[in-house]
Every structure is written in structure tokens, then in C-alpha cells.
Full PDB file with SEQRES, HELIX, SHEET, SSBOND, CRYST1, ORIGX, SCALE, CONECT and MASTER records, all heavy atoms in Angstrom:
SEQRES   1 A   39  TYR TYR ALA LEU GLU GLY LEU THR GLN LEU MET ASN THR          
SEQRES   2 A   39  ILE ALA ARG VAL GLN ARG LYS LEU ASN PRO ARG LEU VAL          
SEQRES   3 A   39  ILE GLU GLY VAL VAL PHE THR MET TYR ASP SER ARG THR          
HELIX    1 AA1 ALA A    3  LYS A   20  1                                  18    
CRYST1    1.000    1.000    1.000  90.00  90.00  90.00 P 1           1          
ORIGX1      1.000000  0.000000  0.000000        0.00000                         
ORIGX2      0.000000  1.000000  0.000000        0.00000                         
ORIGX3      0.000000  0.000000  1.000000        0.00000                         
SCALE1      1.000000  0.000000  0.000000        0.00000                         
SCALE2      0.000000  1.000000  0.000000        0.00000                         
SCALE3      0.000000  0.000000  1.000000        0.00000                         
ATOM      1  N   TYR A   1      89.230  37.332  31.351  1.00  0.00           N  
ATOM      2  CA  TYR A   1      89.633  35.987  30.836  1.00  0.00           C  
ATOM      3  C   TYR A   1      91.031  35.635  31.213  1.00  0.00           C  
ATOM      4  O   TYR A   1      91.341  34.480  31.623  1.00  0.00           O  
ATOM      5  CB  TYR A   1      89.403  35.937  29.364  1.00  0.00           C  
ATOM      6  CG  TYR A   1      89.700  34.589  28.785  1.00  0.00           C  
ATOM      7  CD1 TYR A   1      88.927  33.469  29.038  1.00  0.00           C  
ATOM      8  CD2 TYR A   1      90.863  34.468  27.970  1.00  0.00           C  
ATOM      9  CE1 TYR A   1      89.199  32.287  28.482  1.00  0.00           C  
ATOM     10  CE2 TYR A   1      91.141  33.189  27.414  1.00  0.00           C  
ATOM     11  CZ  TYR A   1      90.356  32.145  27.696  1.00  0.00           C  
ATOM     12  OH  TYR A   1      90.602  30.938  27.186  1.00  0.00           O  
ATOM     13  N   TYR A   2      92.034  36.547  31.087  1.00  0.00           N  
ATOM     14  CA  TYR A   2      93.425  36.128  31.225  1.00  0.00           C  
ATOM     15  C   TYR A   2      93.890  36.292  32.707  1.00  0.00           C  
ATOM     16  O   TYR A   2      95.093  36.089  32.972  1.00  0.00           O  
ATOM     17  CB  TYR A   2      94.340  36.988  30.346  1.00  0.00           C  
ATOM     18  CG  TYR A   2      94.152  36.634  28.843  1.00  0.00           C  
ATOM     19  CD1 TYR A   2      93.534  37.573  28.037  1.00  0.00           C  
ATOM     20  CD2 TYR A   2      94.541  35.416  28.376  1.00  0.00           C  
ATOM     21  CE1 TYR A   2      93.319  37.306  26.672  1.00  0.00           C  
ATOM     22  CE2 TYR A   2      94.317  35.128  27.010  1.00  0.00           C  
ATOM     23  CZ  TYR A   2      93.722  36.108  26.176  1.00  0.00           C  
ATOM     24  OH  TYR A   2      93.559  35.745  24.883  1.00  0.00           O  
ATOM     25  N   ALA A   3      93.048  36.515  33.623  1.00  0.00           N  
ATOM     26  CA  ALA A   3      93.448  36.829  34.945  1.00  0.00           C  
ATOM     27  C   ALA A   3      94.207  35.660  35.588  1.00  0.00           C  
ATOM     28  O   ALA A   3      95.214  35.792  36.291  1.00  0.00           O  
ATOM     29  CB  ALA A   3      92.201  37.061  35.841  1.00  0.00           C  
ATOM     30  N   LEU A   4      93.712  34.426  35.377  1.00  0.00           N  
ATOM     31  CA  LEU A   4      94.360  33.168  35.967  1.00  0.00           C  
ATOM     32  C   LEU A   4      95.766  32.921  35.458  1.00  0.00           C  
ATOM     33  O   LEU A   4      96.602  32.462  36.271  1.00  0.00           O  
ATOM     34  CB  LEU A   4      93.471  31.998  35.766  1.00  0.00           C  
ATOM     35  CG  LEU A   4      92.126  32.116  36.424  1.00  0.00           C  
ATOM     36  CD1 LEU A   4      91.196  30.894  36.050  1.00  0.00           C  
ATOM     37  CD2 LEU A   4      92.208  32.271  37.909  1.00  0.00           C  
ATOM     38  N   GLU A   5      95.955  33.278  34.173  1.00  0.00           N  
ATOM     39  CA  GLU A   5      97.283  33.127  33.560  1.00  0.00           C  
ATOM     40  C   GLU A   5      98.340  33.984  34.324  1.00  0.00           C  
ATOM     41  O   GLU A   5      99.349  33.453  34.737  1.00  0.00           O  
ATOM     42  CB  GLU A   5      97.233  33.608  32.156  1.00  0.00           C  
ATOM     43  CG  GLU A   5      98.180  32.912  31.240  1.00  0.00           C  
ATOM     44  CD  GLU A   5      97.919  33.356  29.791  1.00  0.00           C  
ATOM     45  OE1 GLU A   5      98.340  34.429  29.386  1.00  0.00           O  
ATOM     46  OE2 GLU A   5      97.193  32.617  28.992  1.00  0.00           O  
ATOM     47  N   GLY A   6      97.998  35.255  34.611  1.00  0.00           N  
ATOM     48  CA  GLY A   6      98.920  36.113  35.325  1.00  0.00           C  
ATOM     49  C   GLY A   6      99.126  35.676  36.725  1.00  0.00           C  
ATOM     50  O   GLY A   6     100.217  35.848  37.272  1.00  0.00           O  
ATOM     51  N   LEU A   7      98.078  35.132  37.341  1.00  0.00           N  
ATOM     52  CA  LEU A   7      98.137  34.709  38.737  1.00  0.00           C  
ATOM     53  C   LEU A   7      99.161  33.599  38.947  1.00  0.00           C  
ATOM     54  O   LEU A   7      99.921  33.583  39.844  1.00  0.00           O  
ATOM     55  CB  LEU A   7      96.817  34.317  39.279  1.00  0.00           C  
ATOM     56  CG  LEU A   7      96.695  33.833  40.672  1.00  0.00           C  
ATOM     57  CD1 LEU A   7      97.136  34.964  41.669  1.00  0.00           C  
ATOM     58  CD2 LEU A   7      95.290  33.421  41.022  1.00  0.00           C  
ATOM     59  N   THR A   8      99.084  32.574  38.098  1.00  0.00           N  
ATOM     60  CA  THR A   8     100.020  31.453  38.173  1.00  0.00           C  
ATOM     61  C   THR A   8     101.469  31.913  38.121  1.00  0.00           C  
ATOM     62  O   THR A   8     102.297  31.514  38.935  1.00  0.00           O  
ATOM     63  CB  THR A   8      99.736  30.486  37.000  1.00  0.00           C  
ATOM     64  OG1 THR A   8      98.368  30.058  37.062  1.00  0.00           O  
ATOM     65  CG2 THR A   8     100.588  29.207  37.129  1.00  0.00           C  
ATOM     66  N   GLN A   9     101.726  32.805  37.171  1.00  0.00           N  
ATOM     67  CA  GLN A   9     103.114  33.373  37.049  1.00  0.00           C  
ATOM     68  C   GLN A   9     103.544  34.146  38.250  1.00  0.00           C  
ATOM     69  O   GLN A   9     104.612  33.904  38.753  1.00  0.00           O  
ATOM     70  CB  GLN A   9     103.123  34.336  35.842  1.00  0.00           C  
ATOM     71  CG  GLN A   9     104.368  34.681  35.183  1.00  0.00           C  
ATOM     72  CD  GLN A   9     104.179  35.635  34.050  1.00  0.00           C  
ATOM     73  OE1 GLN A   9     103.169  36.153  33.789  1.00  0.00           O  
ATOM     74  NE2 GLN A   9     105.295  35.916  33.393  1.00  0.00           N  
ATOM     75  N   LEU A  10     102.594  34.847  38.819  1.00  0.00           N  
ATOM     76  CA  LEU A  10     102.937  35.657  40.058  1.00  0.00           C  
ATOM     77  C   LEU A  10     103.144  34.735  41.223  1.00  0.00           C  
ATOM     78  O   LEU A  10     104.115  35.026  42.045  1.00  0.00           O  
ATOM     79  CB  LEU A  10     101.828  36.699  40.381  1.00  0.00           C  
ATOM     80  CG  LEU A  10     102.076  37.607  41.588  1.00  0.00           C  
ATOM     81  CD1 LEU A  10     103.304  38.405  41.412  1.00  0.00           C  
ATOM     82  CD2 LEU A  10     100.835  38.423  41.859  1.00  0.00           C  
ATOM     83  N   MET A  11     102.389  33.735  41.403  1.00  0.00           N  
ATOM     84  CA  MET A  11     102.597  32.785  42.544  1.00  0.00           C  
ATOM     85  C   MET A  11     103.865  32.093  42.436  1.00  0.00           C  
ATOM     86  O   MET A  11     104.653  31.885  43.429  1.00  0.00           O  
ATOM     87  CB  MET A  11     101.472  31.766  42.550  1.00  0.00           C  
ATOM     88  CG  MET A  11     100.112  32.349  42.797  1.00  0.00           C  
ATOM     89  SD  MET A  11      99.914  33.410  44.233  1.00  0.00           S  
ATOM     90  CE  MET A  11      99.829  32.120  45.483  1.00  0.00           C  
ATOM     91  N   ASN A  12     104.385  31.754  41.251  1.00  0.00           N  
ATOM     92  CA  ASN A  12     105.675  31.144  41.035  1.00  0.00           C  
ATOM     93  C   ASN A  12     106.799  32.133  41.434  1.00  0.00           C  
ATOM     94  O   ASN A  12     107.783  31.764  42.112  1.00  0.00           O  
ATOM     95  CB  ASN A  12     105.847  30.714  39.610  1.00  0.00           C  
ATOM     96  CG  ASN A  12     104.971  29.539  39.209  1.00  0.00           C  
ATOM     97  OD1 ASN A  12     104.561  28.757  40.039  1.00  0.00           O  
ATOM     98  ND2 ASN A  12     104.702  29.375  37.952  1.00  0.00           N  
ATOM     99  N   THR A  13     106.649  33.436  41.061  1.00  0.00           N  
ATOM    100  CA  THR A  13     107.612  34.408  41.448  1.00  0.00           C  
ATOM    101  C   THR A  13     107.659  34.581  42.955  1.00  0.00           C  
ATOM    102  O   THR A  13     108.778  34.628  43.508  1.00  0.00           O  
ATOM    103  CB  THR A  13     107.234  35.774  40.752  1.00  0.00           C  
ATOM    104  OG1 THR A  13     107.294  35.647  39.402  1.00  0.00           O  
ATOM    105  CG2 THR A  13     108.105  36.865  41.209  1.00  0.00           C  
ATOM    106  N   ILE A  14     106.528  34.674  43.532  1.00  0.00           N  
ATOM    107  CA  ILE A  14     106.529  34.821  45.054  1.00  0.00           C  
ATOM    108  C   ILE A  14     107.166  33.661  45.753  1.00  0.00           C  
ATOM    109  O   ILE A  14     107.944  33.790  46.674  1.00  0.00           O  
ATOM    110  CB  ILE A  14     105.032  34.968  45.604  1.00  0.00           C  
ATOM    111  CG1 ILE A  14     104.499  36.354  45.069  1.00  0.00           C  
ATOM    112  CG2 ILE A  14     104.988  34.904  47.068  1.00  0.00           C  
ATOM    113  CD1 ILE A  14     103.028  36.516  45.283  1.00  0.00           C  
ATOM    114  N   ALA A  15     106.969  32.412  45.188  1.00  0.00           N  
ATOM    115  CA  ALA A  15     107.594  31.253  45.808  1.00  0.00           C  
ATOM    116  C   ALA A  15     109.049  31.271  45.636  1.00  0.00           C  
ATOM    117  O   ALA A  15     109.794  30.911  46.589  1.00  0.00           O  
ATOM    118  CB  ALA A  15     107.013  29.946  45.058  1.00  0.00           C  
ATOM    119  N   ARG A  16     109.548  31.751  44.518  1.00  0.00           N  
ATOM    120  CA  ARG A  16     111.013  31.894  44.314  1.00  0.00           C  
ATOM    121  C   ARG A  16     111.671  32.930  45.276  1.00  0.00           C  
ATOM    122  O   ARG A  16     112.658  32.666  45.853  1.00  0.00           O  
ATOM    123  CB  ARG A  16     111.278  32.245  42.844  1.00  0.00           C  
ATOM    124  CG  ARG A  16     111.195  31.094  41.885  1.00  0.00           C  
ATOM    125  CD  ARG A  16     111.940  31.363  40.609  1.00  0.00           C  
ATOM    126  NE  ARG A  16     111.571  32.626  39.930  1.00  0.00           N  
ATOM    127  CZ  ARG A  16     110.528  32.617  39.068  1.00  0.00           C  
ATOM    128  NH1 ARG A  16     109.843  31.545  38.801  1.00  0.00           N  
ATOM    129  NH2 ARG A  16     110.213  33.775  38.508  1.00  0.00           N  
ATOM    130  N   VAL A  17     110.966  33.999  45.436  1.00  0.00           N  
ATOM    131  CA  VAL A  17     111.424  35.056  46.361  1.00  0.00           C  
ATOM    132  C   VAL A  17     111.420  34.517  47.821  1.00  0.00           C  
ATOM    133  O   VAL A  17     112.386  34.755  48.582  1.00  0.00           O  
ATOM    134  CB  VAL A  17     110.521  36.352  46.260  1.00  0.00           C  
ATOM    135  CG1 VAL A  17     110.914  37.371  47.372  1.00  0.00           C  
ATOM    136  CG2 VAL A  17     110.785  36.995  44.929  1.00  0.00           C  
ATOM    137  N   GLN A  18     110.397  33.755  48.170  1.00  0.00           N  
ATOM    138  CA  GLN A  18     110.396  33.168  49.524  1.00  0.00           C  
ATOM    139  C   GLN A  18     111.542  32.234  49.768  1.00  0.00           C  
ATOM    140  O   GLN A  18     112.135  32.238  50.826  1.00  0.00           O  
ATOM    141  CB  GLN A  18     108.985  32.409  49.721  1.00  0.00           C  
ATOM    142  CG  GLN A  18     107.795  33.290  49.896  1.00  0.00           C  
ATOM    143  CD  GLN A  18     106.521  32.486  49.804  1.00  0.00           C  
ATOM    144  OE1 GLN A  18     106.429  31.543  48.995  1.00  0.00           O  
ATOM    145  NE2 GLN A  18     105.553  32.874  50.568  1.00  0.00           N  
ATOM    146  N   ARG A  19     111.812  31.456  48.726  1.00  0.00           N  
ATOM    147  CA  ARG A  19     112.921  30.472  48.854  1.00  0.00           C  
ATOM    148  C   ARG A  19     114.307  31.148  48.884  1.00  0.00           C  
ATOM    149  O   ARG A  19     115.192  30.771  49.689  1.00  0.00           O  
ATOM    150  CB  ARG A  19     112.938  29.505  47.720  1.00  0.00           C  
ATOM    151  CG  ARG A  19     111.869  28.351  47.735  1.00  0.00           C  
ATOM    152  CD  ARG A  19     112.190  27.312  46.792  1.00  0.00           C  
ATOM    153  NE  ARG A  19     112.478  27.729  45.430  1.00  0.00           N  
ATOM    154  CZ  ARG A  19     111.505  27.839  44.549  1.00  0.00           C  
ATOM    155  NH1 ARG A  19     110.206  27.696  44.868  1.00  0.00           N  
ATOM    156  NH2 ARG A  19     111.785  28.246  43.306  1.00  0.00           N  
ATOM    157  N   LYS A  20     114.513  32.113  48.162  1.00  0.00           N  
ATOM    158  CA  LYS A  20     115.869  32.644  47.957  1.00  0.00           C  
ATOM    159  C   LYS A  20     116.182  33.997  48.619  1.00  0.00           C  
ATOM    160  O   LYS A  20     117.317  34.295  48.911  1.00  0.00           O  
ATOM    161  CB  LYS A  20     116.176  32.750  46.431  1.00  0.00           C  
ATOM    162  CG  LYS A  20     116.166  31.407  45.730  1.00  0.00           C  
ATOM    163  CD  LYS A  20     116.443  31.584  44.253  1.00  0.00           C  
ATOM    164  CE  LYS A  20     116.433  30.236  43.536  1.00  0.00           C  
ATOM    165  NZ  LYS A  20     117.515  29.290  43.932  1.00  0.00           N  
ATOM    166  N   LEU A  21     115.163  34.832  48.752  1.00  0.00           N  
ATOM    167  CA  LEU A  21     115.435  36.240  49.169  1.00  0.00           C  
ATOM    168  C   LEU A  21     114.738  36.675  50.407  1.00  0.00           C  
ATOM    169  O   LEU A  21     115.244  37.481  51.226  1.00  0.00           O  
ATOM    170  CB  LEU A  21     115.149  37.197  48.025  1.00  0.00           C  
ATOM    171  CG  LEU A  21     115.909  36.987  46.755  1.00  0.00           C  
ATOM    172  CD1 LEU A  21     115.273  37.773  45.549  1.00  0.00           C  
ATOM    173  CD2 LEU A  21     117.405  37.446  46.918  1.00  0.00           C  
ATOM    174  N   ASN A  22     113.443  36.332  50.656  1.00  0.00           N  
ATOM    175  CA  ASN A  22     112.646  36.852  51.753  1.00  0.00           C  
ATOM    176  C   ASN A  22     111.753  35.673  52.256  1.00  0.00           C  
ATOM    177  O   ASN A  22     110.512  35.669  51.907  1.00  0.00           O  
ATOM    178  CB  ASN A  22     111.869  37.989  51.327  1.00  0.00           C  
ATOM    179  CG  ASN A  22     111.077  38.675  52.385  1.00  0.00           C  
ATOM    180  OD1 ASN A  22     111.148  38.297  53.525  1.00  0.00           O  
ATOM    181  ND2 ASN A  22     110.258  39.643  52.055  1.00  0.00           N  
ATOM    182  N   PRO A  23     112.271  34.844  53.147  1.00  0.00           N  
ATOM    183  CA  PRO A  23     111.482  33.726  53.627  1.00  0.00           C  
ATOM    184  C   PRO A  23     110.254  34.133  54.439  1.00  0.00           C  
ATOM    185  O   PRO A  23     109.356  33.331  54.566  1.00  0.00           O  
ATOM    186  CB  PRO A  23     112.477  32.926  54.467  1.00  0.00           C  
ATOM    187  CG  PRO A  23     113.585  33.891  54.703  1.00  0.00           C  
ATOM    188  CD  PRO A  23     113.642  34.834  53.672  1.00  0.00           C  
ATOM    189  N   ARG A  24     110.203  35.337  54.904  1.00  0.00           N  
ATOM    190  CA  ARG A  24     109.046  35.770  55.749  1.00  0.00           C  
ATOM    191  C   ARG A  24     107.873  36.307  54.906  1.00  0.00           C  
ATOM    192  O   ARG A  24     106.795  36.629  55.437  1.00  0.00           O  
ATOM    193  CB  ARG A  24     109.420  36.696  56.784  1.00  0.00           C  
ATOM    194  CG  ARG A  24     109.916  38.041  56.275  1.00  0.00           C  
ATOM    195  CD  ARG A  24     110.595  38.952  57.319  1.00  0.00           C  
ATOM    196  NE  ARG A  24     111.190  40.083  56.717  1.00  0.00           N  
ATOM    197  CZ  ARG A  24     110.581  41.196  56.354  1.00  0.00           C  
ATOM    198  NH1 ARG A  24     109.266  41.271  56.506  1.00  0.00           N  
ATOM    199  NH2 ARG A  24     111.236  42.219  55.776  1.00  0.00           N  
ATOM    200  N   LEU A  25     108.047  36.361  53.592  1.00  0.00           N  
ATOM    201  CA  LEU A  25     106.964  36.920  52.716  1.00  0.00           C  
ATOM    202  C   LEU A  25     105.790  35.985  52.658  1.00  0.00           C  
ATOM    203  O   LEU A  25     105.919  34.759  52.561  1.00  0.00           O  
ATOM    204  CB  LEU A  25     107.572  37.087  51.323  1.00  0.00           C  
ATOM    205  CG  LEU A  25     106.695  37.772  50.291  1.00  0.00           C  
ATOM    206  CD1 LEU A  25     106.494  39.324  50.679  1.00  0.00           C  
ATOM    207  CD2 LEU A  25     107.306  37.724  48.846  1.00  0.00           C  
ATOM    208  N   VAL A  26     104.568  36.579  52.863  1.00  0.00           N  
ATOM    209  CA  VAL A  26     103.330  35.738  52.783  1.00  0.00           C  
ATOM    210  C   VAL A  26     102.415  36.358  51.795  1.00  0.00           C  
ATOM    211  O   VAL A  26     102.558  37.579  51.398  1.00  0.00           O  
ATOM    212  CB  VAL A  26     102.679  35.570  54.119  1.00  0.00           C  
ATOM    213  CG1 VAL A  26     103.616  34.805  55.104  1.00  0.00           C  
ATOM    214  CG2 VAL A  26     102.279  36.861  54.698  1.00  0.00           C  
ATOM    215  N   ILE A  27     101.332  35.649  51.448  1.00  0.00           N  
ATOM    216  CA  ILE A  27     100.315  36.247  50.603  1.00  0.00           C  
ATOM    217  C   ILE A  27      99.335  37.001  51.580  1.00  0.00           C  
ATOM    218  O   ILE A  27      98.735  36.398  52.440  1.00  0.00           O  
ATOM    219  CB  ILE A  27      99.441  35.141  49.893  1.00  0.00           C  
ATOM    220  CG1 ILE A  27     100.378  34.198  49.034  1.00  0.00           C  
ATOM    221  CG2 ILE A  27      98.353  35.807  48.995  1.00  0.00           C  
ATOM    222  CD1 ILE A  27     101.007  34.890  47.821  1.00  0.00           C  
ATOM    223  N   GLU A  28      99.192  38.305  51.348  1.00  0.00           N  
ATOM    224  CA  GLU A  28      98.247  39.118  52.099  1.00  0.00           C  
ATOM    225  C   GLU A  28      96.793  38.739  51.684  1.00  0.00           C  
ATOM    226  O   GLU A  28      95.959  38.563  52.532  1.00  0.00           O  
ATOM    227  CB  GLU A  28      98.553  40.596  51.841  1.00  0.00           C  
ATOM    228  CG  GLU A  28      97.503  41.541  52.412  1.00  0.00           C  
ATOM    229  CD  GLU A  28      97.679  41.617  53.943  1.00  0.00           C  
ATOM    230  OE1 GLU A  28      98.817  41.449  54.490  1.00  0.00           O  
ATOM    231  OE2 GLU A  28      96.641  41.812  54.595  1.00  0.00           O  
ATOM    232  N   GLY A  29      96.599  38.593  50.362  1.00  0.00           N  
ATOM    233  CA  GLY A  29      95.349  38.260  49.875  1.00  0.00           C  
ATOM    234  C   GLY A  29      95.127  38.643  48.425  1.00  0.00           C  
ATOM    235  O   GLY A  29      95.947  39.363  47.813  1.00  0.00           O  
ATOM    236  N   VAL A  30      94.127  38.060  47.822  1.00  0.00           N  
ATOM    237  CA  VAL A  30      93.730  38.422  46.409  1.00  0.00           C  
ATOM    238  C   VAL A  30      92.512  39.310  46.599  1.00  0.00           C  
ATOM    239  O   VAL A  30      91.581  39.075  47.303  1.00  0.00           O  
ATOM    240  CB  VAL A  30      93.378  37.164  45.646  1.00  0.00           C  
ATOM    241  CG1 VAL A  30      92.672  37.515  44.343  1.00  0.00           C  
ATOM    242  CG2 VAL A  30      94.600  36.305  45.405  1.00  0.00           C  
ATOM    243  N   VAL A  31      92.546  40.444  45.822  1.00  0.00           N  
ATOM    244  CA  VAL A  31      91.400  41.365  45.696  1.00  0.00           C  
ATOM    245  C   VAL A  31      90.839  41.294  44.252  1.00  0.00           C  
ATOM    246  O   VAL A  31      91.590  41.567  43.355  1.00  0.00           O  
ATOM    247  CB  VAL A  31      91.792  42.820  46.027  1.00  0.00           C  
ATOM    248  CG1 VAL A  31      90.560  43.744  45.872  1.00  0.00           C  
ATOM    249  CG2 VAL A  31      92.261  42.880  47.442  1.00  0.00           C  
ATOM    250  N   PHE A  32      89.548  40.987  44.133  1.00  0.00           N  
ATOM    251  CA  PHE A  32      89.006  40.994  42.825  1.00  0.00           C  
ATOM    252  C   PHE A  32      88.571  42.380  42.438  1.00  0.00           C  
ATOM    253  O   PHE A  32      87.886  43.097  43.196  1.00  0.00           O  
ATOM    254  CB  PHE A  32      87.767  40.068  42.813  1.00  0.00           C  
ATOM    255  CG  PHE A  32      88.078  38.674  43.049  1.00  0.00           C  
ATOM    256  CD1 PHE A  32      87.757  37.983  44.286  1.00  0.00           C  
ATOM    257  CD2 PHE A  32      88.680  37.830  42.112  1.00  0.00           C  
ATOM    258  CE1 PHE A  32      88.078  36.722  44.484  1.00  0.00           C  
ATOM    259  CE2 PHE A  32      89.041  36.528  42.402  1.00  0.00           C  
ATOM    260  CZ  PHE A  32      88.695  35.926  43.606  1.00  0.00           C  
ATOM    261  N   THR A  33      89.009  42.819  41.209  1.00  0.00           N  
ATOM    262  CA  THR A  33      88.681  44.186  40.740  1.00  0.00           C  
ATOM    263  C   THR A  33      87.891  44.146  39.496  1.00  0.00           C  
ATOM    264  O   THR A  33      87.817  43.120  38.785  1.00  0.00           O  
ATOM    265  CB  THR A  33      89.949  44.993  40.580  1.00  0.00           C  
ATOM    266  OG1 THR A  33      90.714  44.354  39.493  1.00  0.00           O  
ATOM    267  CG2 THR A  33      90.832  45.047  41.800  1.00  0.00           C  
ATOM    268  N   MET A  34      87.235  45.290  39.161  1.00  0.00           N  
ATOM    269  CA  MET A  34      86.486  45.487  37.897  1.00  0.00           C  
ATOM    270  C   MET A  34      85.466  44.377  37.651  1.00  0.00           C  
ATOM    271  O   MET A  34      85.232  43.823  36.631  1.00  0.00           O  
ATOM    272  CB  MET A  34      87.454  45.449  36.727  1.00  0.00           C  
ATOM    273  CG  MET A  34      88.561  46.549  36.861  1.00  0.00           C  
ATOM    274  SD  MET A  34      89.702  46.587  35.421  1.00  0.00           S  
ATOM    275  CE  MET A  34      91.150  47.223  36.163  1.00  0.00           C  
ATOM    276  N   TYR A  35      84.784  44.032  38.804  1.00  0.00           N  
ATOM    277  CA  TYR A  35      83.770  42.938  38.734  1.00  0.00           C  
ATOM    278  C   TYR A  35      82.505  43.511  38.146  1.00  0.00           C  
ATOM    279  O   TYR A  35      82.024  44.578  38.505  1.00  0.00           O  
ATOM    280  CB  TYR A  35      83.484  42.500  40.213  1.00  0.00           C  
ATOM    281  CG  TYR A  35      82.499  41.400  40.260  1.00  0.00           C  
ATOM    282  CD1 TYR A  35      82.955  40.001  40.258  1.00  0.00           C  
ATOM    283  CD2 TYR A  35      81.127  41.581  40.406  1.00  0.00           C  
ATOM    284  CE1 TYR A  35      82.069  38.985  40.272  1.00  0.00           C  
ATOM    285  CE2 TYR A  35      80.202  40.528  40.505  1.00  0.00           C  
ATOM    286  CZ  TYR A  35      80.636  39.254  40.413  1.00  0.00           C  
ATOM    287  OH  TYR A  35      79.826  38.196  40.485  1.00  0.00           O  
ATOM    288  N   ASP A  36      81.983  42.825  37.128  1.00  0.00           N  
ATOM    289  CA  ASP A  36      80.806  43.220  36.404  1.00  0.00           C  
ATOM    290  C   ASP A  36      79.759  42.110  36.679  1.00  0.00           C  
ATOM    291  O   ASP A  36      79.801  41.036  36.185  1.00  0.00           O  
ATOM    292  CB  ASP A  36      81.100  43.328  34.934  1.00  0.00           C  
ATOM    293  CG  ASP A  36      79.879  43.953  34.166  1.00  0.00           C  
ATOM    294  OD1 ASP A  36      78.766  43.913  34.760  1.00  0.00           O  
ATOM    295  OD2 ASP A  36      80.067  44.424  33.047  1.00  0.00           O  
ATOM    296  N   SER A  37      78.774  42.482  37.545  1.00  0.00           N  
ATOM    297  CA  SER A  37      77.773  41.477  37.916  1.00  0.00           C  
ATOM    298  C   SER A  37      76.874  41.066  36.751  1.00  0.00           C  
ATOM    299  O   SER A  37      76.142  40.073  36.922  1.00  0.00           O  
ATOM    300  CB  SER A  37      76.911  42.039  39.069  1.00  0.00           C  
ATOM    301  OG  SER A  37      76.320  43.296  38.694  1.00  0.00           O  
ATOM    302  N   ARG A  38      76.939  41.712  35.652  1.00  0.00           N  
ATOM    303  CA  ARG A  38      76.039  41.413  34.523  1.00  0.00           C  
ATOM    304  C   ARG A  38      76.629  40.256  33.665  1.00  0.00           C  
ATOM    305  O   ARG A  38      75.906  39.744  32.821  1.00  0.00           O  
ATOM    306  CB  ARG A  38      75.829  42.599  33.583  1.00  0.00           C  
ATOM    307  CG  ARG A  38      75.130  43.795  34.302  1.00  0.00           C  
ATOM    308  CD  ARG A  38      75.244  45.034  33.483  1.00  0.00           C  
ATOM    309  NE  ARG A  38      76.652  45.403  33.243  1.00  0.00           N  
ATOM    310  CZ  ARG A  38      77.047  46.408  32.533  1.00  0.00           C  
ATOM    311  NH1 ARG A  38      76.111  47.210  31.908  1.00  0.00           N  
ATOM    312  NH2 ARG A  38      78.335  46.696  32.328  1.00  0.00           N  
ATOM    313  N   THR A  39      77.926  39.910  33.905  1.00  0.00           N  
ATOM    314  CA  THR A  39      78.523  38.933  33.051  1.00  0.00           C  
ATOM    315  C   THR A  39      78.846  37.633  33.896  1.00  0.00           C  
ATOM    316  O   THR A  39      79.158  37.669  35.111  1.00  0.00           O  
ATOM    317  CB  THR A  39      79.891  39.389  32.562  1.00  0.00           C  
ATOM    318  OG1 THR A  39      80.846  39.532  33.612  1.00  0.00           O  
ATOM    319  CG2 THR A  39      79.719  40.699  31.809  1.00  0.00           C  
TER     320      THR A  39                                                      
MASTER        0    0    0    1    0    0    0    6  319    1    0    3          
END                                                                             
């Protein structure tokens, strides 16, 4: 349930790092974990 909340926060952090500290940083990708096909 709370996955998206943490993602928004992290994307903001990455954007700040790109602007101020490491402009070559990119998103490698999102990996979904602990997937339960029954839910």
C-alpha cells in the first residue's frame, strides 16, 4: 500500500541530486518485489 508514497519522495531526492551534485545520474529502473499474485 505505501509503496507509491516512498517512490515520490525518492524521485524528488534524485531530482535534487541531479540538479546540484551529479547531473549524469539517471533512473536505472524500478523493480517490483514481494509480488503476491493472489492479491
